[in-house]
């Protein structure tokens, strides 16, 4: 399978990673893009694939609709991201990574999907629809970084410290430092191999998890001050009000990880974080511990994600939104409790 393959089906599902490797080998000028509000898996995967393609002699450009969070500025190549493309016709392939829907590319980058380029999406969200010309989704992968690790090997690219660092960050962050249930023996074997190429787990952990800004700590304090737990003790939630958002000038980076404090409450199964960015826009994050599929919960409000981590954005009247969401969360816990260990 190559770029010259005639597409009889506009959105083709590809199940063999070797076919993806052949598509990439056949490309010469490649755009590699991630999703809005990029996280470690997104950034690490985009950078690793971009660096690997350059070692193959390809011309690449890296795209992100939103700025790279400061905690990831240490990643090799993090300063190369662009937020738009002036001449997309110069490229013959657009690769999107960790993108669960076209909307997740952002308003400035999603038009590239219909700009006449061959498109390829590589993801690990089970709910991801086949929106590209070629779609490779491995829901069993703990991170897209795992897929890219295997893909680089299939393309015959020699791993180096820079690529390994990007992949380690991708895998480490999306497994919660190898704590989440989708972490497997294969995940640890890949991480061990990356360490052999010079990756320093201690330095990376410090850079990602121990470099908090004063603003982010003030945001955490404000969120904890709103912490509530349902009568059943199984759902906890926090709220960032418009006043807090404006007073502290809150960014997405400042909020990263805060929801985990609600999930850490003893006995809680589902945690929810409400961000009332404006009177008519609310961002909602969902997390669960063992049994509730919060991706399904988020889908009820137009969002999606993973079974244990998901989210959505509500545009419109946010009044009384919290009550509806919490009621749904409690209902989801009640329905799943019988399957909890």
Protein backbone atom coordinates (compact mmCIF):
# COMPACT_ATOMS: atom_id res chain seq x y z
CA UNK A 1 0.00 0.00 0.00
CA UNK A 2 1.50 3.37 -1.06
CA UNK A 3 0.40 6.95 -1.64
CA UNK A 4 -0.27 6.06 -5.26
CA UNK A 5 -2.91 3.52 -4.21
CA UNK A 6 -6.31 4.42 -5.67
CA UNK A 7 -8.73 5.07 -2.82
CA UNK A 8 -11.93 3.20 -3.59
CA UNK A 9 -13.08 4.00 -0.07
CA UNK A 10 -12.50 7.59 1.04
CA UNK A 11 -12.09 6.58 4.69
CA UNK A 12 -10.13 3.36 4.77
CA UNK A 13 -9.43 1.46 7.99
CA UNK A 14 -5.92 -0.01 8.11
CA UNK A 15 -5.22 -2.81 10.58
CA UNK A 16 -1.62 -3.61 9.68
CA UNK A 17 1.04 -1.22 10.94
CA UNK A 18 3.37 -2.35 8.14
CA UNK A 19 0.95 -0.76 5.67
CA UNK A 20 1.23 2.51 7.58
CA UNK A 21 5.03 2.26 7.40
CA UNK A 22 4.83 1.84 3.61
CA UNK A 23 2.56 4.88 3.27
CA UNK A 24 5.04 7.00 5.20
CA UNK A 25 8.02 5.68 3.24
CA UNK A 26 6.32 6.72 -0.01
CA UNK A 27 5.72 10.31 1.16
CA UNK A 28 8.25 13.08 0.62
CA UNK A 29 6.75 16.25 2.14
CA UNK A 30 4.81 15.52 5.32
CA UNK A 31 2.72 17.54 7.76
CA UNK A 32 2.50 15.98 11.23
CA UNK A 33 -0.23 17.39 13.49
CA UNK A 34 -1.60 16.79 16.96
CA UNK A 35 -4.73 17.88 18.79
CA UNK A 36 -5.78 21.05 20.57
CA UNK A 37 -4.49 21.52 24.12
CA UNK A 38 -1.61 19.13 23.38
CA UNK A 39 -0.53 16.74 26.13
CA UNK A 40 2.61 14.66 26.55
CA UNK A 41 1.45 11.78 24.37
CA UNK A 42 0.40 14.10 21.56
CA UNK A 43 3.57 16.21 21.59
CA UNK A 44 5.97 13.33 22.17
CA UNK A 45 4.42 11.26 19.38
CA UNK A 46 4.37 14.12 16.85
CA UNK A 47 7.98 15.03 17.61
CA UNK A 48 9.23 11.44 17.55
CA UNK A 49 7.58 10.67 14.21
CA UNK A 50 8.74 13.98 12.74
CA UNK A 51 12.35 13.40 13.79
CA UNK A 52 12.23 9.83 12.47
CA UNK A 53 10.88 10.95 9.08
CA UNK A 54 13.64 13.55 8.85
CA UNK A 55 16.22 10.82 9.39
CA UNK A 56 14.65 9.12 6.36
CA UNK A 57 15.27 12.23 4.27
CA UNK A 58 11.68 13.53 4.33
CA UNK A 59 10.76 17.21 4.58
CA UNK A 60 8.46 17.65 7.56
CA UNK A 61 6.51 20.39 9.31
CA UNK A 62 5.02 20.02 12.79
CA UNK A 63 1.62 21.49 13.62
CA UNK A 64 -0.26 22.35 16.80
CA UNK A 65 -3.29 24.62 17.03
CA UNK A 66 -2.34 25.58 20.59
CA UNK A 67 1.05 26.51 22.07
CA UNK A 68 3.30 23.87 23.59
CA UNK A 69 2.90 23.91 27.40
CA UNK A 70 6.03 25.21 29.11
CA UNK A 71 6.65 21.91 30.93
CA UNK A 72 7.30 20.30 27.55
CA UNK A 73 9.70 22.94 26.22
CA UNK A 74 12.60 20.60 27.03
CA UNK A 75 11.49 18.15 24.34
CA UNK A 76 13.81 18.08 21.31
CA UNK A 77 12.17 20.07 18.51
CA UNK A 78 9.43 21.60 20.67
CA UNK A 79 10.20 25.03 19.21
CA UNK A 80 9.41 23.86 15.67
CA UNK A 81 5.61 23.71 15.97
CA UNK A 82 3.54 25.94 13.70
CA UNK A 83 -0.11 26.88 14.20
CA UNK A 84 -0.99 27.19 10.51
CA UNK A 85 0.17 26.25 7.02
CA UNK A 86 0.34 28.88 4.28
CA UNK A 87 0.82 26.53 1.32
CA UNK A 88 -0.59 23.06 2.06
CA UNK A 89 -0.29 22.11 -1.61
CA UNK A 90 3.49 21.80 -1.08
CA UNK A 91 2.85 18.66 0.96
CA UNK A 92 1.69 15.25 -0.17
CA UNK A 93 0.67 13.76 3.19
CA UNK A 94 -0.97 14.96 6.40
CA UNK A 95 -0.48 12.72 9.44
CA UNK A 96 -2.61 13.35 12.53
CA UNK A 97 -1.66 11.73 15.83
CA UNK A 98 -3.77 11.22 18.97
CA UNK A 99 -6.66 13.03 17.24
CA UNK A 100 -9.99 11.44 18.15
CA UNK A 101 -12.12 13.59 15.82
CA UNK A 102 -11.62 16.30 13.17
CA UNK A 103 -12.76 18.96 15.64
CA UNK A 104 -9.87 18.04 17.94
CA UNK A 105 -7.46 19.54 15.41
CA UNK A 106 -8.83 23.00 16.07
CA UNK A 107 -10.42 25.59 13.81
CA UNK A 108 -7.15 26.59 12.14
CA UNK A 109 -5.90 23.09 11.30
CA UNK A 110 -9.03 20.97 10.67
CA UNK A 111 -9.51 22.50 7.17
CA UNK A 112 -6.32 20.69 6.16
CA UNK A 113 -8.34 17.47 6.14
CA UNK A 114 -10.14 18.71 3.02
CA UNK A 115 -7.23 20.58 1.42
CA UNK A 116 -6.48 17.90 -1.17
CA UNK A 117 -3.77 16.08 0.80
CA UNK A 118 -3.67 12.35 1.43
CA UNK A 119 -4.54 12.07 5.12
CA UNK A 120 -3.52 9.48 7.71
CA UNK A 121 -4.74 9.31 11.29
CA UNK A 122 -3.00 7.21 13.95
CA UNK A 123 -4.76 6.99 17.29
CA UNK A 124 -5.62 4.79 20.28
CA UNK A 125 -9.09 6.04 21.25
CA UNK A 126 -11.66 3.29 20.74
CA UNK A 127 -14.32 5.88 19.84
CA UNK A 128 -12.30 7.52 17.04
CA UNK A 129 -14.24 7.54 13.74
CA UNK A 130 -12.42 6.92 10.42
CA UNK A 131 -12.23 10.54 9.28
CA UNK A 132 -8.94 10.36 7.32
CA UNK A 133 -8.15 8.60 4.04
CA UNK A 134 -6.20 6.02 6.03
CA UNK A 135 -7.07 5.28 9.66
CA UNK A 136 -5.04 3.17 12.07
CA UNK A 137 -6.54 2.89 15.58
CA UNK A 138 -5.16 0.52 18.21
CA UNK A 139 -7.39 0.82 21.27
CA UNK A 140 -5.13 -1.63 23.12
CA UNK A 141 -2.16 0.72 22.96
CA UNK A 142 -1.48 2.50 26.24
CA UNK A 143 -0.40 5.58 24.30
CA UNK A 144 0.04 6.68 20.71
CA UNK A 145 3.71 6.77 21.65
CA UNK A 146 3.66 2.97 21.81
CA UNK A 147 2.34 2.81 18.24
CA UNK A 148 4.97 5.26 17.02
CA UNK A 149 7.69 3.26 18.81
CA UNK A 150 6.68 0.15 16.84
CA UNK A 151 6.18 2.12 13.61
CA UNK A 152 9.67 3.61 13.74
CA UNK A 153 11.07 0.11 14.05
CA UNK A 154 9.08 -1.07 11.03
CA UNK A 155 10.35 1.89 8.99
CA UNK A 156 13.92 0.86 9.75
CA UNK A 157 14.86 4.15 11.43
CA UNK A 158 17.68 3.99 13.94
CA UNK A 159 16.48 5.15 17.35
CA UNK A 160 18.46 7.94 19.00
CA UNK A 161 18.29 9.80 22.30
CA UNK A 162 16.12 12.64 21.00
CA UNK A 163 13.49 10.35 19.52
CA UNK A 164 13.64 8.11 22.59
CA UNK A 165 13.10 11.08 24.92
CA UNK A 166 9.99 12.14 23.02
CA UNK A 167 8.56 8.62 23.03
CA UNK A 168 9.30 8.11 26.73
CA UNK A 169 7.39 11.29 27.58
CA UNK A 170 4.49 10.18 25.38
CA UNK A 171 4.23 6.79 27.05
CA UNK A 172 4.97 7.95 30.60
CA UNK A 173 2.35 10.72 30.63
CA UNK A 174 -0.49 8.73 29.05
CA UNK A 175 0.01 5.86 31.48
CA UNK A 176 0.14 8.15 34.52
CA UNK A 177 3.77 7.23 35.18
CA UNK A 178 2.91 3.60 34.36
CA UNK A 179 0.11 3.50 36.96
CA UNK A 180 -3.00 3.19 34.78
CA UNK A 181 -4.68 -0.11 34.06
CA UNK A 182 -3.82 -0.14 30.35
CA UNK A 183 -0.11 -0.31 31.25
CA UNK A 184 1.20 -3.72 30.16
CA UNK A 185 4.43 -5.71 30.27
CA UNK A 186 5.00 -4.57 26.67
CA UNK A 187 4.69 -0.96 27.84
CA UNK A 188 7.51 -1.46 30.34
CA UNK A 189 9.65 -3.27 27.77
CA UNK A 190 9.33 -0.34 25.37
CA UNK A 191 10.20 2.10 28.17
CA UNK A 192 13.23 -0.01 29.14
CA UNK A 193 14.45 0.03 25.53
CA UNK A 194 14.09 3.83 25.41
CA UNK A 195 16.14 4.14 28.59
CA UNK A 196 18.90 2.16 26.88
CA UNK A 197 19.13 5.02 24.35
CA UNK A 198 20.01 7.50 27.08
CA UNK A 199 16.63 8.61 28.42
CA UNK A 200 16.75 9.79 32.05
CA UNK A 201 13.46 8.88 33.82
CA UNK A 202 14.39 11.03 36.83
CA UNK A 203 15.10 14.15 34.77
CA UNK A 204 11.96 13.74 32.68
CA UNK A 205 9.76 13.12 35.73
CA UNK A 206 11.13 16.24 37.39
CA UNK A 207 10.58 18.35 34.25
CA UNK A 208 7.00 17.19 33.74
CA UNK A 209 5.67 16.80 37.29
CA UNK A 210 7.81 18.99 39.55
CA UNK A 211 7.87 22.33 37.75
CA UNK A 212 4.56 23.90 38.77
CA UNK A 213 3.95 27.62 38.31
CA UNK A 214 2.61 29.78 41.13
CA UNK A 215 -0.54 30.32 39.09
CA UNK A 216 -1.19 26.59 38.74
CA UNK A 217 -0.91 26.15 42.53
CA UNK A 218 -3.33 29.03 43.11
CA UNK A 219 -5.73 27.42 40.63
CA UNK A 220 -5.43 24.13 42.54
CA UNK A 221 -6.21 25.91 45.81
CA UNK A 222 -9.27 27.55 44.26
CA UNK A 223 -10.49 24.25 42.84
CA UNK A 224 -10.00 22.35 46.12
CA UNK A 225 -12.01 25.01 47.91
CA UNK A 226 -15.03 23.93 45.81
CA UNK A 227 -14.58 20.18 46.27
CA UNK A 228 -17.87 18.35 46.79
CA UNK A 229 -18.79 14.68 47.14
CA UNK A 230 -22.14 13.10 46.30
CA UNK A 231 -24.33 11.65 49.06
CA UNK A 232 -23.29 8.14 48.00
CA UNK A 233 -19.62 9.13 48.32
CA UNK A 234 -18.80 7.78 44.87
CA UNK A 235 -18.69 10.98 42.79
CA UNK A 236 -16.53 14.02 43.54
CA UNK A 237 -16.35 17.27 41.64
CA UNK A 238 -14.63 20.65 41.62
CA UNK A 239 -15.44 23.92 39.85
CA UNK A 240 -13.37 26.74 38.41
CA UNK A 241 -15.65 29.77 38.22
CA UNK A 242 -15.45 32.58 35.64
CA UNK A 243 -14.16 34.85 38.42
CA UNK A 244 -11.23 32.50 39.11
CA UNK A 245 -10.55 32.06 35.40
CA UNK A 246 -10.36 35.82 34.89
CA UNK A 247 -8.59 36.81 38.10
CA UNK A 248 -5.81 34.24 37.70
CA UNK A 249 -5.81 34.34 33.89
CA UNK A 250 -6.07 30.53 33.88
CA UNK A 251 -4.57 28.57 30.99
CA UNK A 252 -5.14 24.93 30.09
CA UNK A 253 -1.66 24.17 31.37
CA UNK A 254 -2.55 25.59 34.79
CA UNK A 255 -5.45 23.13 35.09
CA UNK A 256 -3.56 20.02 33.99
CA UNK A 257 -3.80 17.24 36.59
CA UNK A 258 -6.10 19.06 39.02
CA UNK A 259 -8.98 16.63 38.44
CA UNK A 260 -6.87 13.80 39.86
CA UNK A 261 -7.18 15.33 43.33
CA UNK A 262 -10.94 14.73 43.21
CA UNK A 263 -10.42 11.20 41.96
CA UNK A 264 -8.00 10.54 44.83
CA UNK A 265 -10.74 11.00 47.46
CA UNK A 266 -11.24 7.71 49.29
CA UNK A 267 -14.28 5.83 48.00
CA UNK A 268 -14.72 8.02 44.91
CA UNK A 269 -15.14 6.25 41.56
CA UNK A 270 -15.83 9.21 39.24
CA UNK A 271 -14.28 12.68 39.40
CA UNK A 272 -15.53 15.70 37.46
CA UNK A 273 -13.95 19.11 36.89
CA UNK A 274 -16.08 22.00 35.65
CA UNK A 275 -14.36 24.99 34.03
CA UNK A 276 -16.77 27.85 33.36
CA UNK A 277 -14.55 29.65 30.89
CA UNK A 278 -17.40 32.07 30.06
CA UNK A 279 -21.17 32.26 30.66
CA UNK A 280 -21.76 30.30 27.47
CA UNK A 281 -18.80 27.91 27.44
CA UNK A 282 -17.96 25.15 29.89
CA UNK A 283 -15.17 22.59 29.72
CA UNK A 284 -15.81 19.38 31.64
CA UNK A 285 -13.24 16.72 32.51
CA UNK A 286 -14.11 13.20 33.66
CA UNK A 287 -11.93 10.59 35.38
CA UNK A 288 -12.76 7.18 36.86
CA UNK A 289 -10.84 4.61 38.90
CA UNK A 290 -12.00 1.09 38.13
CA UNK A 291 -15.36 0.47 36.52
CA UNK A 292 -17.20 3.46 35.03
CA UNK A 293 -16.63 4.17 31.33
CA UNK A 294 -16.35 7.95 31.42
CA UNK A 295 -15.88 8.05 27.64
CA UNK A 296 -19.52 6.96 27.36
CA UNK A 297 -20.42 9.54 30.00
CA UNK A 298 -18.69 12.32 28.05
CA UNK A 299 -20.38 11.22 24.83
CA UNK A 300 -23.75 12.02 26.38
CA UNK A 301 -22.61 15.64 26.41
CA UNK A 302 -20.98 15.64 22.97
CA UNK A 303 -17.47 14.66 24.07
CA UNK A 304 -15.38 11.50 24.25
CA UNK A 305 -12.05 10.02 25.20
CA UNK A 306 -10.83 6.99 27.10
CA UNK A 307 -12.79 4.73 29.48
CA UNK A 308 -10.91 6.23 32.44
CA UNK A 309 -10.27 9.76 31.12
CA UNK A 310 -12.50 11.87 28.93
CA UNK A 311 -13.98 15.32 28.48
CA UNK A 312 -16.32 17.58 26.59
CA UNK A 313 -16.97 21.24 25.81
CA UNK A 314 -20.46 22.69 26.18
CA UNK A 315 -21.23 25.77 24.10
CA UNK A 316 -24.43 27.47 25.17
CA UNK A 317 -26.29 28.07 28.40
CA UNK A 318 -24.26 26.50 31.21
CA UNK A 319 -26.85 27.20 33.90
CA UNK A 320 -27.81 24.11 35.89
CA UNK A 321 -25.27 22.11 33.87
CA UNK A 322 -23.47 20.76 36.94
CA UNK A 323 -26.60 19.18 38.38
CA UNK A 324 -27.33 17.31 35.13
CA UNK A 325 -23.74 16.09 34.78
CA UNK A 326 -23.45 14.92 38.39
CA UNK A 327 -26.80 13.13 38.17
CA UNK A 328 -25.55 11.27 35.11
CA UNK A 329 -22.26 10.44 36.85
CA UNK A 330 -24.07 9.05 39.90
CA UNK A 331 -26.33 7.03 37.61
CA UNK A 332 -23.29 5.64 35.77
CA UNK A 333 -21.70 4.59 39.06
CA UNK A 334 -24.91 2.96 40.20
CA UNK A 335 -25.16 0.94 36.97
CA UNK A 336 -21.52 -0.12 37.12
CA UNK A 337 -21.15 -0.86 40.81
CA UNK A 338 -22.09 -4.49 40.35
CA UNK A 339 -19.09 -4.94 38.05
CA UNK A 340 -16.64 -3.14 40.34
CA UNK A 341 -13.99 -5.24 42.02
